[in-house]
């Protein structure tokens, strides 16, 4: 009887902890997939079978695909039409979609938040109206194509603000006005139930997160109740402060202070890196530059996310695993992707074969 009762209690505890630890978002960003396919890149799984990238990722544990959108890029790459094509691919593969609105015609990040050219002369009132209308239109377009968008980021890595110069970090009243407009645009759309995310970099820095959100809350133009998720970028190679311990402190403090769901919106880890100056020594000793190291890195992040207080940690997203002709992914390391590139058939065919780390989402 004792053994039966003990077994039952262990079983029940395991089920409860498993339910509490489940991640809602196991996501890969595949925004550059159509660019790669236009360059004749063919994707293969670990066994050498040629398949669509999104199918390989789905078969290896992904349940969601992230897509970035630029407002009016000159070459059309990453615009709304481009994004819908990717969204339809995700839908066909049985994957939900996260949208990442950059509110720019090009890259938006802490060093670049250029207002779209068509909006460049707008006042803050006109700019807010444009943000709201544009956001609603993006979501309505996805809805009309039957694509399940369950999460949308209003801005990308906006630590220094968005839609410069009016939305600079020197004017949090304007930042609040613009983010309020973005949130209103989501709620006015046909996909009004999509969760709204605000996304900052420096996910290892509680000071950064606290400064931004406290400044935003104090702006007088933004209600903290108008969004659902705090997204962070957490990379290993930009600062010696980016330790797992600092990351855990930051996200736990965020949960305890703001009570929002938390997602690692961007991360990756190298299989090759010759410049390690900004790596914390603790990471270099714990996570080798290899496919196994990539998996260990993501598992360590997922462990922290699952343990965030009040079950507020809900997702991990790996950035651009299939972008083999940009394998550095803008970092100081030469290769952070999850596929090896065979260029011997270039330009007619380039083979991107999955590394063993492609199954990382099935392990978290």
Protein backbone atom coordinates (compact mmCIF):
# COMPACT_ATOMS: atom_id res chain seq x y z
CA UNK A 1 0.00 0.00 0.00
CA UNK A 2 2.84 2.37 0.89
CA UNK A 3 4.57 1.67 -2.41
CA UNK A 4 1.35 2.26 -4.35
CA UNK A 5 0.71 5.53 -2.53
CA UNK A 6 4.32 6.66 -3.02
CA UNK A 7 4.18 5.82 -6.72
CA UNK A 8 0.91 7.71 -7.10
CA UNK A 9 2.30 10.79 -5.36
CA UNK A 10 5.43 10.75 -7.50
CA UNK A 11 3.33 10.32 -10.62
CA UNK A 12 1.01 13.19 -9.63
CA UNK A 13 3.93 15.47 -8.80
CA UNK A 14 5.57 14.71 -12.15
CA UNK A 15 2.36 15.51 -14.02
CA UNK A 16 1.87 18.79 -12.18
CA UNK A 17 5.45 19.92 -12.68
CA UNK A 18 5.29 18.91 -16.33
CA UNK A 19 2.14 20.96 -16.87
CA UNK A 20 3.60 23.97 -15.08
CA UNK A 21 6.83 23.69 -17.04
CA UNK A 22 5.32 23.40 -20.52
CA UNK A 23 6.27 26.20 -22.92
CA UNK A 24 3.52 27.67 -25.08
CA UNK A 25 5.97 29.00 -27.67
CA UNK A 26 8.73 26.80 -29.09
CA UNK A 27 9.61 29.03 -31.96
CA UNK A 28 12.04 29.51 -34.80
CA UNK A 29 12.34 32.73 -36.80
CA UNK A 30 12.37 31.84 -40.51
CA UNK A 31 12.00 35.35 -41.91
CA UNK A 32 14.77 34.89 -44.51
CA UNK A 33 13.50 31.56 -45.84
CA UNK A 34 12.14 32.98 -49.10
CA UNK A 35 15.42 34.83 -49.68
CA UNK A 36 17.33 31.58 -49.26
CA UNK A 37 15.00 29.63 -51.52
CA UNK A 38 15.34 32.32 -54.21
CA UNK A 39 19.09 31.64 -54.04
CA UNK A 40 18.38 27.92 -54.68
CA UNK A 41 18.99 26.73 -51.14
CA UNK A 42 17.43 23.31 -50.51
CA UNK A 43 16.92 22.15 -46.94
CA UNK A 44 17.52 18.61 -45.71
CA UNK A 45 16.76 16.95 -42.39
CA UNK A 46 19.48 15.14 -40.43
CA UNK A 47 18.95 12.04 -42.57
CA UNK A 48 19.48 13.90 -45.84
CA UNK A 49 15.82 14.02 -46.89
CA UNK A 50 14.93 17.21 -48.77
CA UNK A 51 11.98 19.01 -47.16
CA UNK A 52 10.65 22.49 -46.59
CA UNK A 53 12.41 24.23 -43.73
CA UNK A 54 9.21 24.78 -41.77
CA UNK A 55 8.39 21.07 -42.04
CA UNK A 56 11.82 20.07 -40.72
CA UNK A 57 11.39 22.44 -37.78
CA UNK A 58 7.88 21.18 -37.04
CA UNK A 59 9.10 17.58 -37.09
CA UNK A 60 11.76 18.53 -34.57
CA UNK A 61 9.55 20.10 -31.92
CA UNK A 62 8.66 23.60 -33.11
CA UNK A 63 5.04 24.73 -32.71
CA UNK A 64 5.34 28.32 -33.89
CA UNK A 65 7.13 30.39 -36.53
CA UNK A 66 8.24 34.00 -36.12
CA UNK A 67 8.13 36.42 -39.04
CA UNK A 68 9.47 39.99 -39.13
CA UNK A 69 7.69 42.64 -41.16
CA UNK A 70 9.06 45.91 -42.54
CA UNK A 71 6.67 48.64 -43.66
CA UNK A 72 7.84 49.44 -47.21
CA UNK A 73 11.30 48.04 -47.99
CA UNK A 74 12.62 49.13 -51.37
CA UNK A 75 13.12 45.55 -52.62
CA UNK A 76 9.92 44.13 -51.12
CA UNK A 77 11.80 41.64 -48.94
CA UNK A 78 10.18 41.32 -45.49
CA UNK A 79 7.14 43.42 -46.47
CA UNK A 80 3.56 42.39 -45.72
CA UNK A 81 3.07 40.37 -48.91
CA UNK A 82 6.32 38.52 -48.27
CA UNK A 83 5.27 37.82 -44.67
CA UNK A 84 1.88 36.46 -45.71
CA UNK A 85 3.58 33.98 -48.05
CA UNK A 86 5.60 32.72 -45.09
CA UNK A 87 2.50 32.69 -42.91
CA UNK A 88 0.68 30.47 -45.38
CA UNK A 89 3.64 28.09 -45.35
CA UNK A 90 3.49 27.97 -41.55
CA UNK A 91 -0.26 27.36 -41.69
CA UNK A 92 0.18 24.47 -44.14
CA UNK A 93 2.73 22.92 -41.79
CA UNK A 94 0.38 23.20 -38.80
CA UNK A 95 2.34 25.97 -37.10
CA UNK A 96 1.00 29.13 -35.47
CA UNK A 97 2.63 32.50 -36.18
CA UNK A 98 4.34 35.22 -34.17
CA UNK A 99 4.63 38.57 -35.94
CA UNK A 100 7.50 40.95 -35.27
CA UNK A 101 6.62 44.47 -36.46
CA UNK A 102 9.71 46.63 -36.92
CA UNK A 103 7.76 49.82 -37.75
CA UNK A 104 10.51 50.72 -40.21
CA UNK A 105 11.41 50.17 -43.84
CA UNK A 106 14.55 48.37 -42.69
CA UNK A 107 16.18 46.83 -39.61
CA UNK A 108 15.01 48.18 -36.27
CA UNK A 109 17.14 47.56 -33.18
CA UNK A 110 18.74 49.64 -30.41
CA UNK A 111 20.99 51.37 -32.96
CA UNK A 112 18.41 51.79 -35.75
CA UNK A 113 14.77 52.82 -35.40
CA UNK A 114 14.23 54.79 -38.59
CA UNK A 115 10.68 55.99 -39.22
CA UNK A 116 9.23 54.65 -42.49
CA UNK A 117 9.86 57.07 -45.33
CA UNK A 118 6.15 57.60 -46.00
CA UNK A 119 5.65 58.66 -42.37
CA UNK A 120 8.79 60.73 -41.95
CA UNK A 121 7.10 64.15 -41.92
CA UNK A 122 4.30 63.18 -39.52
CA UNK A 123 3.58 64.81 -36.19
CA UNK A 124 3.38 62.50 -33.19
CA UNK A 125 -0.42 62.46 -33.51
CA UNK A 126 -0.24 61.54 -37.19
CA UNK A 127 2.47 58.97 -36.51
CA UNK A 128 0.38 57.28 -33.82
CA UNK A 129 -2.59 57.15 -36.19
CA UNK A 130 -0.38 55.54 -38.85
CA UNK A 131 0.94 52.96 -36.39
CA UNK A 132 -2.57 52.02 -35.29
CA UNK A 133 -3.95 51.77 -38.84
CA UNK A 134 -0.93 49.86 -40.12
CA UNK A 135 -1.02 47.36 -37.25
CA UNK A 136 -4.71 46.68 -37.78
CA UNK A 137 -4.19 46.21 -41.52
CA UNK A 138 -1.35 43.73 -41.00
CA UNK A 139 -3.44 41.56 -38.70
CA UNK A 140 -6.57 41.82 -40.83
CA UNK A 141 -4.53 40.68 -43.82
CA UNK A 142 -3.31 37.62 -41.94
CA UNK A 143 -6.84 36.94 -40.70
CA UNK A 144 -8.25 37.12 -44.23
CA UNK A 145 -5.75 34.43 -45.22
CA UNK A 146 -6.81 32.20 -42.31
CA UNK A 147 -3.40 32.40 -40.63
CA UNK A 148 -3.32 31.90 -36.86
CA UNK A 149 -1.35 34.79 -35.34
CA UNK A 150 -1.30 34.28 -31.59
CA UNK A 151 1.43 36.77 -30.66
CA UNK A 152 2.55 40.11 -32.08
CA UNK A 153 5.48 42.30 -31.08
CA UNK A 154 4.81 46.04 -31.44
CA UNK A 155 8.35 47.08 -32.23
CA UNK A 156 11.68 45.27 -32.24
CA UNK A 157 14.29 45.70 -29.49
CA UNK A 158 12.97 49.12 -28.54
CA UNK A 159 15.23 49.83 -25.56
CA UNK A 160 16.22 53.12 -27.20
CA UNK A 161 12.71 53.86 -28.40
CA UNK A 162 11.06 53.41 -31.78
CA UNK A 163 10.16 55.52 -34.82
CA UNK A 164 12.99 58.00 -34.33
CA UNK A 165 13.34 60.89 -33.79
CA UNK A 166 9.89 61.45 -32.27
CA UNK A 167 9.93 58.14 -30.41
CA UNK A 168 13.44 58.41 -29.03
CA UNK A 169 14.23 57.18 -25.51
CA UNK A 170 14.60 60.85 -24.56
CA UNK A 171 10.81 61.22 -24.87
CA UNK A 172 8.93 58.44 -23.08
CA UNK A 173 5.65 60.32 -23.48
CA UNK A 174 5.97 59.83 -27.24
CA UNK A 175 7.09 56.22 -26.82
CA UNK A 176 3.98 55.60 -24.72
CA UNK A 177 1.78 57.27 -27.33
CA UNK A 178 3.20 55.09 -30.11
CA UNK A 179 2.98 51.84 -28.13
CA UNK A 180 -0.58 52.67 -27.10
CA UNK A 181 -1.41 53.14 -30.78
CA UNK A 182 0.17 49.79 -31.64
CA UNK A 183 -1.81 48.03 -28.92
CA UNK A 184 -5.02 49.73 -30.04
CA UNK A 185 -4.31 48.60 -33.58
CA UNK A 186 -4.12 44.99 -32.44
CA UNK A 187 -7.36 45.22 -30.45
CA UNK A 188 -9.17 46.86 -33.39
CA UNK A 189 -8.23 44.02 -35.75
CA UNK A 190 -9.88 40.75 -36.64
CA UNK A 191 -7.17 39.02 -34.57
CA UNK A 192 -7.82 41.07 -31.45
CA UNK A 193 -7.15 38.11 -29.17
CA UNK A 194 -3.50 37.90 -30.21
CA UNK A 195 -1.20 38.57 -27.28
CA UNK A 196 0.70 41.85 -27.46
CA UNK A 197 4.42 41.88 -26.76
CA UNK A 198 6.93 44.62 -26.00
CA UNK A 199 10.44 43.50 -26.90
CA UNK A 200 13.74 44.76 -25.48
CA UNK A 201 17.31 43.54 -25.82
CA UNK A 202 19.71 42.99 -22.88
CA UNK A 203 17.62 40.24 -21.37
CA UNK A 204 20.42 39.66 -18.86
CA UNK A 205 20.08 43.18 -17.40
CA UNK A 206 17.44 43.84 -14.76
CA UNK A 207 18.59 47.48 -14.66
CA UNK A 208 17.77 47.91 -18.36
CA UNK A 209 14.38 46.25 -18.11
CA UNK A 210 13.41 48.16 -14.96
CA UNK A 211 14.52 51.52 -16.35
CA UNK A 212 12.51 51.08 -19.54
CA UNK A 213 9.28 49.75 -18.06
CA UNK A 214 9.26 52.10 -15.10
CA UNK A 215 9.85 55.05 -17.45
CA UNK A 216 7.09 53.81 -19.74
CA UNK A 217 4.64 53.36 -16.86
CA UNK A 218 5.45 56.87 -15.61
CA UNK A 219 5.06 58.48 -19.04
CA UNK A 220 1.38 59.29 -18.57
CA UNK A 221 0.61 58.11 -22.11
CA UNK A 222 0.66 54.33 -21.65
CA UNK A 223 -1.20 51.85 -19.49
CA UNK A 224 0.73 48.76 -18.44
CA UNK A 225 -2.51 46.82 -18.76
CA UNK A 226 -2.51 47.32 -22.54
CA UNK A 227 0.04 44.59 -23.27
CA UNK A 228 0.50 40.96 -22.29
CA UNK A 229 4.06 39.79 -22.81
CA UNK A 230 7.56 41.04 -22.13
CA UNK A 231 9.98 39.75 -24.74
CA UNK A 232 13.75 39.80 -24.31
CA UNK A 233 16.69 39.14 -26.55
CA UNK A 234 19.32 37.10 -24.74
CA UNK A 235 22.55 36.43 -26.60
CA UNK A 236 25.81 35.10 -25.15
CA UNK A 237 28.32 37.16 -27.12
CA UNK A 238 27.61 40.89 -26.64
CA UNK A 239 28.52 41.42 -22.99
CA UNK A 240 30.48 39.69 -20.25
CA UNK A 241 27.44 40.42 -18.07
CA UNK A 242 25.26 38.02 -20.08
CA UNK A 243 25.53 35.16 -17.62
CA UNK A 244 22.78 32.68 -16.97
CA UNK A 245 22.64 33.93 -13.37
CA UNK A 246 22.07 37.53 -14.49
CA UNK A 247 19.45 36.42 -17.00
CA UNK A 248 17.62 34.51 -14.29
CA UNK A 249 17.72 37.50 -11.95
CA UNK A 250 16.37 39.79 -14.67
CA UNK A 251 13.43 37.65 -15.76
CA UNK A 252 12.48 36.66 -12.22
CA UNK A 253 12.48 40.30 -11.14
CA UNK A 254 10.42 41.21 -14.19
CA UNK A 255 7.82 38.61 -13.30
CA UNK A 256 7.66 39.67 -9.67
CA UNK A 257 7.49 43.38 -10.53
CA UNK A 258 5.22 43.53 -13.59
CA UNK A 259 3.34 40.23 -13.60
CA UNK A 260 3.56 39.77 -17.39
CA UNK A 261 4.22 36.63 -19.38
CA UNK A 262 7.86 36.44 -20.46
CA UNK A 263 9.38 35.05 -23.65
CA UNK A 264 12.98 34.89 -24.87
CA UNK A 265 12.20 36.53 -28.18
CA UNK A 266 15.67 36.03 -29.66
CA UNK A 267 18.66 33.84 -28.92
CA UNK A 268 21.24 31.71 -30.68
CA UNK A 269 24.58 30.04 -29.95
CA UNK A 270 27.61 29.38 -32.15
CA UNK A 271 29.21 26.24 -33.49
CA UNK A 272 32.21 28.36 -34.49
CA UNK A 273 33.54 31.56 -32.94
CA UNK A 274 37.02 33.07 -32.97
CA UNK A 275 36.18 36.30 -31.13
CA UNK A 276 35.17 35.54 -27.57
CA UNK A 277 36.13 38.79 -25.81
CA UNK A 278 32.59 39.60 -24.73
CA UNK A 279 31.57 36.09 -23.68
CA UNK A 280 31.22 35.54 -19.94
CA UNK A 281 33.90 32.98 -19.00
CA UNK A 282 31.21 30.87 -17.32
CA UNK A 283 29.47 30.37 -20.67
CA UNK A 284 32.66 29.44 -22.50
CA UNK A 285 33.39 26.72 -19.98
CA UNK A 286 29.83 25.36 -19.91
CA UNK A 287 28.70 25.47 -23.55
CA UNK A 288 31.10 24.26 -26.26
CA UNK A 289 30.98 25.71 -29.76
CA UNK A 290 29.19 22.75 -31.31
CA UNK A 291 25.74 21.44 -32.15
CA UNK A 292 25.62 19.86 -28.71
CA UNK A 293 26.55 23.21 -27.19
CA UNK A 294 23.70 24.89 -29.06
CA UNK A 295 21.25 22.43 -27.55
CA UNK A 296 22.71 22.80 -24.07
CA UNK A 297 22.45 26.59 -24.32
CA UNK A 298 18.79 26.54 -25.29
CA UNK A 299 18.00 23.91 -22.65
CA UNK A 300 19.63 26.10 -20.00
CA UNK A 301 17.58 29.10 -21.10
CA UNK A 302 14.39 27.03 -21.16
CA UNK A 303 15.09 25.77 -17.65
CA UNK A 304 15.28 29.35 -16.38
CA UNK A 305 12.16 30.36 -18.31
CA UNK A 306 10.14 27.44 -16.97
CA UNK A 307 11.12 28.37 -13.42
CA UNK A 308 10.03 32.02 -13.68
CA UNK A 309 7.68 32.79 -10.77
CA UNK A 310 3.94 32.23 -11.16
CA UNK A 311 4.46 30.20 -14.34
CA UNK A 312 4.96 33.42 -16.32
CA UNK A 313 7.77 32.03 -18.47
CA UNK A 314 6.07 30.85 -21.65
CA UNK A 315 8.45 30.63 -24.58
CA UNK A 316 11.87 30.42 -26.24
CA UNK A 317 12.54 31.60 -29.79
CA UNK A 318 15.69 30.82 -31.82
CA UNK A 319 16.66 33.45 -34.36
CA UNK A 320 17.03 32.51 -38.05
CA UNK A 321 18.35 28.91 -37.80
CA UNK A 322 18.27 28.40 -41.57
CA UNK A 323 19.96 31.59 -42.85
CA UNK A 324 23.08 29.77 -44.00
CA UNK A 325 24.54 32.54 -46.16
CA UNK A 326 24.41 34.85 -43.14
CA UNK A 327 25.49 32.24 -40.61
CA UNK A 328 27.04 34.80 -38.25
CA UNK A 329 23.56 36.30 -37.83
CA UNK A 330 25.13 39.69 -37.28
CA UNK A 331 27.24 38.49 -34.36
CA UNK A 332 30.97 38.32 -33.70
CA UNK A 333 30.81 34.54 -34.28
CA UNK A 334 31.03 32.97 -37.72
CA UNK A 335 28.30 30.34 -37.45
CA UNK A 336 25.17 30.33 -35.25
CA UNK A 337 22.70 28.52 -37.52
CA UNK A 338 21.37 24.98 -37.22
CA UNK A 339 22.23 23.86 -40.77
CA UNK A 340 25.52 23.25 -42.55
CA UNK A 341 25.89 24.69 -46.04
CA UNK A 342 27.22 22.68 -48.97
CA UNK A 343 28.07 25.22 -51.67
CA UNK A 344 29.65 22.79 -54.14
CA UNK A 345 26.63 23.03 -56.44
CA UNK A 346 26.38 26.83 -56.31
CA UNK A 347 24.70 28.68 -57.97
CA UNK A 348 22.29 26.05 -59.25
CA UNK A 349 21.78 24.35 -55.87
CA UNK A 350 22.99 24.91 -52.32
CA UNK A 351 22.31 22.18 -49.76
CA UNK A 352 21.52 23.14 -46.18
CA UNK A 353 21.62 19.99 -44.07
CA UNK A 354 20.26 20.02 -40.53
CA UNK A 355 22.66 19.67 -37.65
CA UNK A 356 21.68 17.47 -34.73
CA UNK A 357 20.80 20.67 -32.84
CA UNK A 358 17.77 21.17 -35.08
CA UNK A 359 15.79 19.07 -32.59
CA UNK A 360 16.45 21.46 -29.67
CA UNK A 361 12.76 22.42 -29.30
CA UNK A 362 11.82 18.78 -28.76
CA UNK A 363 14.17 18.77 -25.76
CA UNK A 364 12.72 21.72 -23.85
